[in-house]
Protein backbone atom coordinates (compact mmCIF):
# COMPACT_ATOMS: atom_id res chain seq x y z
CA MET A 1 -0.03 -0.14 -0.22
CA VAL A 2 1.40 3.39 -0.97
CA SER A 3 2.02 5.50 1.91
CA ALA A 4 0.63 9.31 2.57
CA GLY A 5 2.68 11.99 2.51
CA PRO A 6 3.03 14.18 5.15
CA VAL A 7 0.17 16.89 6.02
CA CYS A 8 0.74 20.61 5.73
CA GLY A 9 -0.87 23.63 4.81
CA PRO A 10 -3.95 24.75 6.11
CA ILE A 11 -4.72 21.69 7.80
CA SER A 12 -1.81 21.00 9.55
CA SER A 13 -2.76 21.05 12.58
CA TYR A 14 -6.25 19.49 13.92
CA SER A 15 -7.04 22.49 15.80
CA ARG A 16 -6.91 24.58 13.10
CA VAL A 17 -9.10 22.45 11.39
CA ARG A 18 -11.51 23.08 13.88
CA ILE A 19 -11.37 26.81 13.68
CA LEU A 20 -11.95 26.65 10.02
CA HIS A 21 -14.80 24.17 10.71
CA LEU A 22 -16.19 27.01 13.16
CA VAL A 23 -15.75 29.50 10.82
CA GLN A 24 -16.95 27.64 7.63
CA SER A 25 -20.27 26.60 9.51
CA ARG A 26 -20.73 30.07 10.84
CA PRO A 27 -19.08 33.51 9.12
CA ARG A 28 -18.72 36.22 11.94
CA ARG A 29 -17.06 34.72 14.33
CA THR A 30 -15.05 36.63 17.25
CA ILE A 31 -12.13 35.69 19.03
CA GLY A 32 -14.19 34.51 22.42
CA GLU A 33 -16.64 32.67 20.63
CA LEU A 34 -13.63 30.31 18.89
CA CYS A 35 -11.52 30.00 22.28
CA GLU A 36 -15.06 29.01 24.10
CA ALA A 37 -15.76 26.13 21.33
CA THR A 38 -12.41 24.92 21.10
CA SER A 39 -10.92 25.46 24.74
CA LEU A 40 -7.79 26.81 23.59
CA HIS A 41 -5.95 30.11 24.70
CA PRO A 42 -6.78 33.22 22.94
CA ASN A 43 -3.08 33.47 21.79
CA THR A 44 -2.85 30.41 20.28
CA VAL A 45 -6.53 30.93 18.42
CA ARG A 46 -4.85 34.34 16.94
CA GLU A 47 -1.76 32.89 15.69
CA HIS A 48 -3.73 30.11 13.97
CA LEU A 49 -5.86 33.17 12.38
CA GLN A 50 -2.93 34.76 11.37
CA ARG A 51 -1.60 32.05 9.66
CA LEU A 52 -5.17 31.52 7.77
CA ILE A 53 -5.22 35.05 7.08
CA GLU A 54 -2.18 34.65 5.38
CA GLY A 55 -2.66 31.90 3.30
CA GLY A 56 -6.21 33.24 2.03
CA TYR A 57 -7.78 30.92 3.78
CA VAL A 58 -10.06 33.30 6.21
CA VAL A 59 -10.90 36.92 5.96
CA GLN A 60 -11.15 39.60 9.37
CA ALA A 61 -13.66 42.01 9.61
CA THR A 62 -13.97 44.80 11.65
CA GLU A 63 -17.55 45.18 13.42
CA HIS A 64 -19.88 48.29 13.24
CA ARG A 65 -20.90 49.45 16.53
CA THR A 66 -23.59 52.16 17.08
CA THR A 67 -23.13 52.21 20.42
CA ARG A 68 -19.95 52.92 22.77
CA GLY A 69 -17.25 50.18 23.13
CA ARG A 70 -14.38 48.71 21.43
CA PRO A 71 -15.73 47.07 17.73
CA ARG A 72 -15.00 43.21 17.82
CA VAL A 73 -12.78 41.61 14.86
CA LEU A 74 -14.80 38.97 13.36
CA TYR A 75 -13.33 36.13 11.16
CA SER A 76 -15.57 34.36 7.94
CA ALA A 77 -13.90 31.53 5.84
CA ALA A 78 -13.03 33.01 2.32
CA THR A 79 -15.40 31.44 0.32
CA GLY A 80 -15.06 34.10 -2.68
CA ALA A 81 -18.45 35.65 -1.51
CA PRO A 82 -19.22 38.91 -1.12
CA GLY A 83 -17.89 40.36 2.22
CA ALA A 84 -15.74 36.60 2.15
CA THR A 85 -13.22 37.38 -0.78
CA SER A 86 -9.91 37.25 0.23
CA PRO A 87 -7.23 39.47 -2.01
CA VAL A 88 -4.66 37.04 -0.55
CA ALA A 89 -6.50 34.04 -2.57
CA GLN A 90 -7.38 36.15 -5.61
CA GLN A 91 -3.15 37.31 -5.43
CA LYS A 92 -2.62 33.06 -5.21
CA ALA A 93 -5.31 32.61 -8.12
CA GLY A 94 -3.63 34.84 -10.88
CA ALA A 95 0.20 33.44 -9.43
CA ALA A 96 -1.39 29.77 -10.12
CA ALA A 97 -2.58 30.97 -13.80
CA ARG A 98 0.35 32.46 -15.02
CA ARG A 99 2.62 29.52 -13.88
CA GLY A 100 0.39 26.94 -15.43
CA ASP A 101 0.38 29.24 -19.02
CA LEU A 102 3.78 29.19 -18.18
CA LEU A 103 3.58 25.36 -18.46
CA ARG A 104 1.18 25.00 -21.18
CA ARG A 105 3.67 26.89 -23.12
CA MET A 106 6.59 24.84 -22.70
CA LEU A 107 4.53 22.08 -23.00
CA GLN A 108 2.83 22.88 -26.40
CA THR A 109 -0.99 21.38 -24.98
CA ASP A 110 -3.90 22.26 -27.05
CA PRO A 111 -6.31 24.20 -24.38
CA SER A 112 -8.68 22.63 -22.69
CA GLU A 113 -12.07 21.82 -23.67
CA LEU A 114 -13.07 22.97 -19.82
CA GLY A 115 -12.40 26.55 -21.46
CA ARG A 116 -9.33 29.16 -19.66
CA ARG A 117 -11.74 29.99 -16.68
CA ALA A 118 -11.67 26.40 -15.54
CA THR A 119 -8.26 25.90 -16.56
CA TYR A 120 -6.78 28.46 -13.96
CA GLN A 121 -9.65 27.37 -11.43
CA LEU A 122 -7.95 24.08 -12.14
CA ASP A 123 -4.42 26.02 -11.47
CA ALA A 124 -5.38 27.32 -8.41
CA LEU A 125 -7.03 23.89 -6.83
CA VAL A 126 -3.94 21.76 -7.82
CA GLU A 127 -1.92 24.87 -6.19
CA HIS A 128 -3.92 24.56 -3.06
CA LEU A 129 -3.92 20.69 -2.77
CA GLU A 130 0.24 20.53 -3.33
CA GLU A 131 0.50 23.18 -0.37
CA SER A 132 -1.61 20.91 1.66
CA GLY A 133 0.29 17.66 1.09
CA PHE A 134 -1.68 15.86 -1.26
CA GLU A 135 -0.42 14.28 -4.69
CA PRO A 136 -3.67 15.45 -6.82
CA VAL A 137 -4.17 14.22 -9.91
CA ILE A 138 -7.07 15.64 -12.47
CA ASP A 139 -9.34 13.72 -15.12
CA GLU A 140 -10.98 16.69 -16.80
CA ASP A 141 -13.36 14.73 -18.85
CA ARG A 142 -14.65 12.94 -15.61
CA LEU A 143 -14.59 16.25 -13.20
CA THR A 144 -12.80 14.80 -10.79
CA VAL A 145 -9.50 15.14 -8.44
CA GLU A 146 -7.76 11.78 -7.12
CA LEU A 147 -6.27 12.06 -4.26
CA THR A 148 -5.08 8.87 -3.41
CA PRO A 149 -3.24 8.41 -0.83
CA CYS A 150 -4.95 11.10 1.38
CA PRO A 151 -2.84 12.25 3.94
CA HIS A 152 -5.40 12.65 6.25
CA ALA A 153 -5.17 8.29 6.20
CA ALA A 154 -3.44 8.20 9.13
CA ALA A 155 -6.14 10.34 11.34
CA ARG A 156 -8.04 9.24 14.07
CA PRO A 157 -11.37 7.50 12.82
CA GLU A 158 -13.24 10.26 14.86
CA HIS A 159 -11.71 13.35 13.07
CA ARG A 160 -11.77 12.31 9.70
CA PRO A 161 -15.36 12.96 8.84
CA VAL A 162 -14.30 16.94 10.16
CA LEU A 163 -11.20 16.83 8.46
CA CYS A 164 -12.87 15.93 5.19
CA GLN A 165 -15.84 18.52 5.13
CA VAL A 166 -13.22 21.37 6.00
CA HIS A 167 -11.17 20.23 3.51
CA LEU A 168 -14.22 20.01 0.76
CA GLY A 169 -15.38 23.91 2.36
CA LEU A 170 -11.69 24.93 1.47
CA MET A 171 -11.35 23.46 -1.96
CA GLN A 172 -14.59 25.46 -2.65
CA GLY A 173 -13.54 28.71 -1.50
CA VAL A 174 -10.54 28.38 -3.89
CA LEU A 175 -12.36 27.47 -6.64
CA ALA A 176 -15.13 30.21 -6.03
CA GLN A 177 -12.01 32.93 -5.55
CA ALA A 178 -10.62 31.76 -8.40
CA GLY A 179 -13.95 32.36 -10.18
CA GLY A 180 -14.96 30.32 -13.10
CA PRO A 181 -17.90 27.51 -14.01
CA LEU A 182 -15.97 24.99 -11.50
CA ALA A 183 -17.39 23.88 -8.27
CA ALA A 184 -16.32 21.18 -5.93
CA ARG A 185 -19.14 19.17 -5.22
CA CYS A 186 -18.96 15.94 -2.68
CA VAL A 187 -16.06 13.65 -1.68
CA ARG A 188 -16.96 10.29 -2.58
CA SER A 189 -16.58 8.02 0.66
CA ALA A 190 -14.22 4.42 0.22
CA ALA A 191 -13.99 1.21 1.72
CA ARG A 192 -10.42 2.53 3.22
CA PRO A 193 -9.49 5.80 4.32
CA GLU A 194 -6.43 6.17 2.29
CA GLU A 195 -8.70 6.63 -0.90
CA CYS A 196 -9.99 9.55 -1.85
CA THR A 197 -11.72 11.31 -5.04
CA VAL A 198 -13.53 14.80 -4.92
CA GLU A 199 -16.18 15.34 -7.39
CA LEU A 200 -16.28 18.92 -9.78
CA VAL A 201 -19.20 19.76 -11.23
CA ARG A 202 -19.78 22.85 -13.87
CA THR A 203 -22.19 25.27 -12.32
CA GLY A 204 -24.35 28.54 -14.24
CA SER A 205 -21.91 30.87 -12.41
CA GLY A 206 -19.01 32.17 -14.07
CA ASP A 207 -20.34 30.15 -17.48
CA ALA A 208 -19.53 31.74 -20.00
CA ASP A 209 -19.89 31.58 -24.14
CA PRO A 210 -17.63 28.50 -24.90
CA CYS A 211 -16.32 30.96 -27.55
CA ASP A 212 -15.75 33.81 -24.94
CA PRO A 213 -11.86 33.18 -23.95
CA GLY A 214 -12.48 33.93 -20.43
CA PRO A 215 -9.97 36.66 -18.25
CA SER A 216 -6.51 36.71 -19.08
CA THR A 217 -3.83 36.47 -16.27
CA ALA A 218 -3.52 39.77 -15.87
CA GLU A 219 -7.17 40.65 -14.57
CA PHE A 220 -6.29 38.46 -11.82
CA ASP A 221 -4.21 41.16 -9.97
CA ASP A 222 -6.78 43.73 -10.47
CA ARG A 223 -9.50 41.76 -9.18
CA ALA A 224 -6.94 41.28 -5.82
CA GLY A 225 -6.69 45.07 -5.81
CA SER A 226 -11.02 44.98 -5.68
CA ALA A 227 -11.25 42.97 -2.93
CA ASN A 228 -8.44 44.65 -0.55
CA THR A 229 -12.25 47.28 -0.46
CA GLY A 230 -14.35 44.87 0.42
CA GLY A 231 -6.78 17.38 -21.54
CA VAL A 232 -4.34 20.46 -20.50
CA ALA A 233 -1.35 20.12 -17.82
CA HIS A 234 -1.53 21.63 -14.34
CA GLY A 235 1.54 20.10 -13.18
CA LEU A 236 0.11 16.39 -12.87
CA ALA A 237 0.68 13.41 -14.89
């Protein structure tokens, strides 16, 4: 049996997974709420949140108050929705698209039938998965992402459902913030914990005319800047 690789990235510790699960389940959480739910020290929670913000997986906002008192800082998952868009995630998506374009030029690959928007989404998704310790293999015809062997196979059995749910939410956020027609729908259950396949689906959102080439990589930089105010090769075999 092939051994899973090391766990890294946003889900490298179960404490961070618990925090992510909380902000994915309900946005605009306070430090106090996260400490109470996880029994972690406030400084530990702040450290985890800072790393998640720097990675583009969590966003923060200052509470609007109409009464006296210091406004609280509220934390939400970076989903790409209005008010939950991370400029860090958009910058990472732009960088992934540029690297993907460079690789495709070097390999002289034909354009994907999925279109440019979806191609750039997959670029961002692959880099996120590799950062998280996976070795993803994309099947564009079946719209699946093979993640076997899963680096979380050795996790405690009671932790795996939350790990899967949190990582699915992270993948959904990465795809949404890259912008395009693809969304992560589910993680297929398997008889063996090391087996993992993610299903993708084309949605109506962002699904442009197939003759429209979609945005250029330069547009990612413009989108990331505006957020501060509010078969093809993907590096795989």
